[in-house]
Amino acid sequence: MANEGRDMSAPVPAPAMAEALEVETTPAGAKVRDSAGVTHYLNPSAAAVLLLCDGTQDAAAIAGQMQDLFDLDQPPVTDVLRALDQLEDLGLLRSALG
């Protein structure tokens, strides 16, 4: 994956959803149709990360939002970075995390 070997404490650019995504939230998370017509099914946490990718928040800020949304003891920074990498690999993000 893209984050292997990356310094997890390094700043990550503010990711944004790819253009032309159709996102439908469901009780199980979200159904996302990309510009190629491929449908992706995301669990609730992956769906939340994707929806928080508005291009204004970096990974640390998204992790803080996830902490609040899921009532966690601490921000899930590593999990958010992993989710961002996976969303990027699926072509659902437009900014490289690199």
N, C-alpha and C. Protein backbone atom coordinates (compact mmCIF):
# COMPACT_ATOMS: atom_id res chain seq x y z
N MET A 1 0.82 -1.19 0.00
CA MET A 1 0.00 0.00 0.00
C MET A 1 0.85 1.24 0.00
N ALA A 2 0.22 2.34 -0.33
CA ALA A 2 0.95 3.59 -0.50
C ALA A 2 1.57 4.11 0.78
N ASN A 3 1.03 3.78 1.96
CA ASN A 3 1.57 4.38 3.18
C ASN A 3 2.69 3.56 3.82
N GLU A 4 3.05 2.43 3.22
CA GLU A 4 4.13 1.64 3.80
C GLU A 4 5.41 2.45 3.75
N GLY A 5 6.08 2.54 4.87
CA GLY A 5 7.32 3.28 4.95
C GLY A 5 7.13 4.79 5.14
N ARG A 6 5.91 5.27 5.13
CA ARG A 6 5.65 6.69 5.31
C ARG A 6 5.71 7.02 6.80
N ASP A 7 6.27 8.18 7.11
CA ASP A 7 6.26 8.68 8.48
C ASP A 7 4.83 9.06 8.82
N MET A 8 4.18 8.27 9.71
CA MET A 8 2.78 8.48 10.02
C MET A 8 2.53 9.80 10.73
N SER A 9 3.58 10.45 11.24
CA SER A 9 3.39 11.74 11.90
C SER A 9 3.58 12.90 10.93
N ALA A 10 4.02 12.60 9.70
CA ALA A 10 4.22 13.67 8.71
C ALA A 10 2.89 14.22 8.25
N PRO A 11 2.86 15.50 7.91
CA PRO A 11 1.60 16.08 7.43
C PRO A 11 1.16 15.40 6.13
N VAL A 12 -0.14 15.21 6.00
CA VAL A 12 -0.71 14.63 4.79
C VAL A 12 -1.57 15.71 4.15
N PRO A 13 -1.43 15.89 2.82
CA PRO A 13 -2.24 16.92 2.16
C PRO A 13 -3.73 16.70 2.42
N ALA A 14 -4.49 17.76 2.26
CA ALA A 14 -5.94 17.69 2.46
C ALA A 14 -6.58 16.96 1.28
N PRO A 15 -6.99 15.71 1.47
CA PRO A 15 -7.58 14.96 0.37
C PRO A 15 -8.99 15.42 0.05
N ALA A 16 -9.39 15.19 -1.20
CA ALA A 16 -10.73 15.54 -1.64
C ALA A 16 -11.30 14.39 -2.46
N MET A 17 -12.60 14.23 -2.40
CA MET A 17 -13.25 13.20 -3.20
C MET A 17 -13.00 13.46 -4.68
N ALA A 18 -12.86 12.38 -5.43
CA ALA A 18 -12.74 12.50 -6.88
C ALA A 18 -14.02 13.12 -7.42
N GLU A 19 -13.89 13.76 -8.56
CA GLU A 19 -15.07 14.38 -9.18
C GLU A 19 -15.96 13.31 -9.78
N ALA A 20 -17.21 13.63 -9.94
CA ALA A 20 -18.21 12.78 -10.59
C ALA A 20 -18.54 11.51 -9.81
N LEU A 21 -18.33 11.52 -8.50
CA LEU A 21 -18.74 10.38 -7.69
C LEU A 21 -20.22 10.54 -7.33
N GLU A 22 -20.92 9.43 -7.36
CA GLU A 22 -22.29 9.40 -6.86
C GLU A 22 -22.25 8.64 -5.55
N VAL A 23 -22.53 9.32 -4.46
CA VAL A 23 -22.45 8.72 -3.13
C VAL A 23 -23.84 8.61 -2.54
N GLU A 24 -24.20 7.39 -2.17
CA GLU A 24 -25.48 7.14 -1.51
C GLU A 24 -25.18 6.52 -0.16
N THR A 25 -25.51 7.24 0.91
CA THR A 25 -25.30 6.67 2.24
C THR A 25 -26.38 5.63 2.50
N THR A 26 -25.97 4.57 3.20
CA THR A 26 -26.87 3.47 3.54
C THR A 26 -26.65 3.12 5.01
N PRO A 27 -27.53 2.32 5.60
CA PRO A 27 -27.30 1.90 6.98
C PRO A 27 -25.98 1.11 7.14
N ALA A 28 -25.52 0.50 6.06
CA ALA A 28 -24.29 -0.29 6.10
C ALA A 28 -23.05 0.53 5.75
N GLY A 29 -23.20 1.81 5.45
CA GLY A 29 -22.07 2.66 5.09
C GLY A 29 -22.40 3.54 3.92
N ALA A 30 -21.87 3.18 2.74
CA ALA A 30 -22.17 3.97 1.54
C ALA A 30 -21.95 3.13 0.30
N LYS A 31 -22.72 3.47 -0.72
CA LYS A 31 -22.55 2.90 -2.05
C LYS A 31 -22.04 4.05 -2.91
N VAL A 32 -20.88 3.85 -3.53
CA VAL A 32 -20.24 4.91 -4.29
C VAL A 32 -20.03 4.43 -5.73
N ARG A 33 -20.57 5.19 -6.66
CA ARG A 33 -20.38 4.88 -8.08
C ARG A 33 -19.38 5.89 -8.62
N ASP A 34 -18.29 5.38 -9.23
CA ASP A 34 -17.26 6.27 -9.75
C ASP A 34 -17.54 6.66 -11.19
N SER A 35 -16.69 7.48 -11.77
CA SER A 35 -16.91 8.00 -13.11
C SER A 35 -16.85 6.91 -14.18
N ALA A 36 -16.24 5.77 -13.87
CA ALA A 36 -16.18 4.65 -14.81
C ALA A 36 -17.41 3.75 -14.68
N GLY A 37 -18.29 4.07 -13.74
CA GLY A 37 -19.48 3.27 -13.54
C GLY A 37 -19.31 2.10 -12.59
N VAL A 38 -18.15 2.03 -11.94
CA VAL A 38 -17.88 0.97 -10.97
C VAL A 38 -18.51 1.36 -9.64
N THR A 39 -19.20 0.41 -9.03
CA THR A 39 -19.82 0.66 -7.73
C THR A 39 -18.95 0.07 -6.62
N HIS A 40 -18.69 0.88 -5.63
CA HIS A 40 -17.89 0.47 -4.47
C HIS A 40 -18.80 0.53 -3.25
N TYR A 41 -18.69 -0.46 -2.38
CA TYR A 41 -19.46 -0.50 -1.14
C TYR A 41 -18.50 -0.25 0.02
N LEU A 42 -18.76 0.79 0.79
CA LEU A 42 -17.88 1.17 1.90
C LEU A 42 -18.57 0.92 3.22
N ASN A 43 -17.79 0.44 4.20
CA ASN A 43 -18.34 0.28 5.55
C ASN A 43 -18.52 1.67 6.17
N PRO A 44 -19.19 1.76 7.32
CA PRO A 44 -19.47 3.08 7.91
C PRO A 44 -18.24 3.95 8.14
N SER A 45 -17.14 3.36 8.61
CA SER A 45 -15.97 4.20 8.88
C SER A 45 -15.32 4.67 7.59
N ALA A 46 -15.21 3.81 6.59
CA ALA A 46 -14.64 4.23 5.30
C ALA A 46 -15.53 5.29 4.65
N ALA A 47 -16.84 5.12 4.76
CA ALA A 47 -17.78 6.10 4.21
C ALA A 47 -17.60 7.45 4.90
N ALA A 48 -17.45 7.43 6.22
CA ALA A 48 -17.26 8.68 6.96
C ALA A 48 -15.97 9.37 6.54
N VAL A 49 -14.89 8.60 6.39
CA VAL A 49 -13.63 9.19 5.95
C VAL A 49 -13.81 9.82 4.58
N LEU A 50 -14.42 9.10 3.65
CA LEU A 50 -14.62 9.65 2.31
C LEU A 50 -15.43 10.94 2.35
N LEU A 51 -16.51 10.95 3.10
CA LEU A 51 -17.36 12.14 3.16
C LEU A 51 -16.67 13.33 3.82
N LEU A 52 -15.67 13.06 4.66
CA LEU A 52 -14.91 14.14 5.29
C LEU A 52 -13.79 14.68 4.39
N CYS A 53 -13.56 14.01 3.26
CA CYS A 53 -12.53 14.45 2.32
C CYS A 53 -13.07 15.56 1.43
N ASP A 54 -13.06 16.77 1.97
CA ASP A 54 -13.62 17.92 1.25
C ASP A 54 -12.53 18.84 0.72
N GLY A 55 -11.27 18.44 0.86
CA GLY A 55 -10.16 19.24 0.37
C GLY A 55 -9.71 20.33 1.33
N THR A 56 -10.34 20.43 2.50
CA THR A 56 -9.96 21.47 3.46
C THR A 56 -9.32 20.91 4.72
N GLN A 57 -9.42 19.60 4.92
CA GLN A 57 -8.92 18.98 6.16
C GLN A 57 -7.80 17.99 5.83
N ASP A 58 -6.74 18.02 6.62
CA ASP A 58 -5.71 17.01 6.45
C ASP A 58 -6.11 15.75 7.24
N ALA A 59 -5.26 14.73 7.16
CA ALA A 59 -5.57 13.45 7.80
C ALA A 59 -5.78 13.60 9.30
N ALA A 60 -4.98 14.44 9.95
CA ALA A 60 -5.12 14.63 11.40
C ALA A 60 -6.48 15.23 11.75
N ALA A 61 -6.93 16.19 10.96
CA ALA A 61 -8.24 16.80 11.20
C ALA A 61 -9.36 15.80 10.95
N ILE A 62 -9.21 14.99 9.90
CA ILE A 62 -10.21 13.96 9.63
C ILE A 62 -10.26 12.96 10.79
N ALA A 63 -9.09 12.59 11.30
CA ALA A 63 -9.04 11.67 12.45
C ALA A 63 -9.74 12.28 13.66
N GLY A 64 -9.57 13.58 13.87
CA GLY A 64 -10.27 14.26 14.97
C GLY A 64 -11.78 14.21 14.79
N GLN A 65 -12.24 14.40 13.55
CA GLN A 65 -13.67 14.31 13.26
C GLN A 65 -14.17 12.89 13.50
N MET A 66 -13.37 11.90 13.10
CA MET A 66 -13.76 10.50 13.30
C MET A 66 -13.85 10.18 14.79
N GLN A 67 -12.94 10.74 15.58
CA GLN A 67 -12.99 10.54 17.03
C GLN A 67 -14.33 11.01 17.58
N ASP A 68 -14.77 12.18 17.12
CA ASP A 68 -16.05 12.72 17.59
C ASP A 68 -17.23 11.89 17.06
N LEU A 69 -17.21 11.56 15.77
CA LEU A 69 -18.32 10.83 15.16
C LEU A 69 -18.55 9.46 15.79
N PHE A 70 -17.45 8.77 16.10
CA PHE A 70 -17.56 7.41 16.62
C PHE A 70 -17.30 7.31 18.11
N ASP A 71 -17.24 8.46 18.80
CA ASP A 71 -17.06 8.54 20.25
C ASP A 71 -15.87 7.70 20.72
N LEU A 72 -14.71 7.97 20.11
CA LEU A 72 -13.49 7.23 20.42
C LEU A 72 -12.66 7.97 21.47
N ASP A 73 -11.81 7.24 22.17
CA ASP A 73 -10.95 7.83 23.19
C ASP A 73 -9.86 8.72 22.60
N GLN A 74 -9.39 8.37 21.40
CA GLN A 74 -8.34 9.14 20.75
C GLN A 74 -8.56 9.14 19.24
N PRO A 75 -7.97 10.10 18.54
CA PRO A 75 -8.14 10.15 17.09
C PRO A 75 -7.49 8.92 16.43
N PRO A 76 -8.19 8.26 15.52
CA PRO A 76 -7.66 7.06 14.86
C PRO A 76 -6.78 7.42 13.66
N VAL A 77 -5.67 8.09 13.90
CA VAL A 77 -4.83 8.62 12.82
C VAL A 77 -4.34 7.50 11.89
N THR A 78 -3.80 6.43 12.45
CA THR A 78 -3.29 5.34 11.61
C THR A 78 -4.40 4.73 10.76
N ASP A 79 -5.56 4.53 11.36
CA ASP A 79 -6.69 3.96 10.61
C ASP A 79 -7.15 4.91 9.51
N VAL A 80 -7.16 6.20 9.78
CA VAL A 80 -7.56 7.18 8.76
C VAL A 80 -6.55 7.18 7.62
N LEU A 81 -5.26 7.15 7.93
CA LEU A 81 -4.25 7.10 6.87
C LEU A 81 -4.41 5.85 6.01
N ARG A 82 -4.70 4.73 6.65
CA ARG A 82 -4.92 3.48 5.92
C ARG A 82 -6.15 3.60 5.02
N ALA A 83 -7.23 4.17 5.56
CA ALA A 83 -8.44 4.34 4.77
C ALA A 83 -8.20 5.29 3.60
N LEU A 84 -7.46 6.36 3.82
CA LEU A 84 -7.16 7.30 2.74
C LEU A 84 -6.37 6.60 1.63
N ASP A 85 -5.41 5.78 2.02
CA ASP A 85 -4.65 5.03 1.02
C ASP A 85 -5.55 4.10 0.21
N GLN A 86 -6.45 3.42 0.90
CA GLN A 86 -7.35 2.50 0.21
C GLN A 86 -8.32 3.25 -0.69
N LEU A 87 -8.85 4.37 -0.23
CA LEU A 87 -9.75 5.17 -1.06
C LEU A 87 -9.01 5.72 -2.27
N GLU A 88 -7.77 6.11 -2.06
CA GLU A 88 -6.96 6.59 -3.19
C GLU A 88 -6.73 5.46 -4.19
N ASP A 89 -6.39 4.27 -3.68
CA ASP A 89 -6.16 3.12 -4.56
C ASP A 89 -7.40 2.79 -5.40
N LEU A 90 -8.59 3.03 -4.83
CA LEU A 90 -9.84 2.77 -5.55
C LEU A 90 -10.19 3.90 -6.53
N GLY A 91 -9.43 4.97 -6.50
CA GLY A 91 -9.69 6.10 -7.37
C GLY A 91 -10.79 7.02 -6.88
N LEU A 92 -11.08 6.95 -5.58
CA LEU A 92 -12.16 7.76 -5.03
C LEU A 92 -11.68 9.11 -4.48
N LEU A 93 -10.37 9.31 -4.46
CA LEU A 93 -9.80 10.60 -4.02
C LEU A 93 -9.07 11.24 -5.19
N ARG A 94 -9.09 12.57 -5.23
CA ARG A 94 -8.40 13.22 -6.34
C ARG A 94 -7.01 13.71 -5.99
N SER A 95 -6.67 13.84 -4.71
CA SER A 95 -5.32 14.29 -4.37
C SER A 95 -4.45 13.10 -3.99
N ALA A 96 -3.21 13.15 -4.44
CA ALA A 96 -2.26 12.10 -4.09
C ALA A 96 -1.83 12.30 -2.64
N LEU A 97 -1.59 11.21 -1.94
CA LEU A 97 -1.17 11.29 -0.54
C LEU A 97 0.34 11.18 -0.39
N GLY A 98 0.98 10.89 -1.44
CA GLY A 98 2.30 10.61 -1.52
C GLY A 98 3.50 10.84 -0.97
